[in-house]
């Protein structure tokens, strides 16, 4: 049995980068919702924060759906 270590390292690197990016994007979404809630209680407009948060969540869902698509197809 022969292991292609370069390909294994490549898969590991890409999966690590994508995981960190998705966690960061989800964190931005949660932060946006928290800012929207804080702004709503403070009297300012939180529409931009809410829209950004929903966009972050939509991008996370799209990335997960694409990953599932790659696994299935």
Protein backbone atom coordinates (compact mmCIF):
# COMPACT_ATOMS: atom_id res chain seq x y z
CA UNK A 1 0.00 0.00 0.00
CA UNK A 2 1.37 3.37 -1.01
CA UNK A 3 0.13 6.62 0.55
CA UNK A 4 0.29 9.84 -1.44
CA UNK A 5 1.40 12.13 1.39
CA UNK A 6 1.26 15.28 -0.73
CA UNK A 7 -2.41 14.69 -1.58
CA UNK A 8 -3.18 13.88 2.05
CA UNK A 9 -1.51 17.10 3.20
CA UNK A 10 -3.37 19.06 0.53
CA UNK A 11 -6.74 17.69 1.65
CA UNK A 12 -5.88 18.40 5.28
CA UNK A 13 -4.81 21.98 4.50
CA UNK A 14 -7.89 22.79 2.45
CA UNK A 15 -10.25 21.28 5.01
CA UNK A 16 -8.54 23.21 7.82
CA UNK A 17 -8.83 26.52 5.95
CA UNK A 18 -12.47 25.92 5.00
CA UNK A 19 -13.35 24.92 8.57
CA UNK A 20 -11.76 28.04 10.04
CA UNK A 21 -13.47 30.21 7.41
CA UNK A 22 -16.91 28.68 8.10
CA UNK A 23 -16.54 29.05 11.85
CA UNK A 24 -15.43 32.66 11.37
CA UNK A 25 -18.35 33.38 9.07
CA UNK A 26 -20.83 31.85 11.51
CA UNK A 27 -19.27 33.89 14.33
CA UNK A 28 -19.72 37.06 12.28
CA UNK A 29 -23.37 36.14 11.82
CA UNK A 30 -23.90 35.66 15.54
CA UNK A 31 -22.08 38.92 16.27
CA UNK A 32 -24.26 40.71 13.73
CA UNK A 33 -27.42 39.42 15.36
CA UNK A 34 -26.12 40.46 18.78
CA UNK A 35 -25.34 43.95 17.50
CA UNK A 36 -28.77 44.14 15.88
CA UNK A 37 -30.38 43.24 19.20
CA UNK A 38 -28.25 45.74 21.10
CA UNK A 39 -29.00 48.47 18.56
CA UNK A 40 -32.72 47.72 18.65
CA UNK A 41 -32.72 48.14 22.41
CA UNK A 42 -30.64 51.32 22.13
CA UNK A 43 -32.91 52.92 19.56
CA UNK A 44 -30.63 52.84 16.48
CA UNK A 45 -31.25 51.05 13.21
CA UNK A 46 -30.01 47.47 13.16
CA UNK A 47 -31.14 46.64 9.65
CA UNK A 48 -27.61 46.51 8.26
CA UNK A 49 -26.41 44.27 11.08
CA UNK A 50 -29.35 41.90 10.62
CA UNK A 51 -28.89 41.78 6.85
CA UNK A 52 -25.17 41.06 7.24
CA UNK A 53 -25.89 38.35 9.79
CA UNK A 54 -28.42 36.67 7.52
CA UNK A 55 -25.97 36.88 4.62
CA UNK A 56 -23.30 35.17 6.76
CA UNK A 57 -25.74 32.42 7.71
CA UNK A 58 -26.80 31.99 4.08
CA UNK A 59 -23.16 31.65 2.98
CA UNK A 60 -22.58 29.05 5.71
CA UNK A 61 -25.64 27.10 4.58
CA UNK A 62 -24.51 27.33 0.94
CA UNK A 63 -21.03 26.04 1.82
CA UNK A 64 -22.49 23.11 3.77
CA UNK A 65 -24.92 22.32 0.95
CA UNK A 66 -22.05 22.42 -1.56
CA UNK A 67 -20.02 20.05 0.61
CA UNK A 68 -22.92 17.63 0.81
CA UNK A 69 -23.38 17.93 -2.95
CA UNK A 70 -19.70 17.03 -3.49
CA UNK A 71 -20.03 14.01 -1.23
CA UNK A 72 -23.24 12.72 -2.86
CA UNK A 73 -22.34 13.29 -6.51
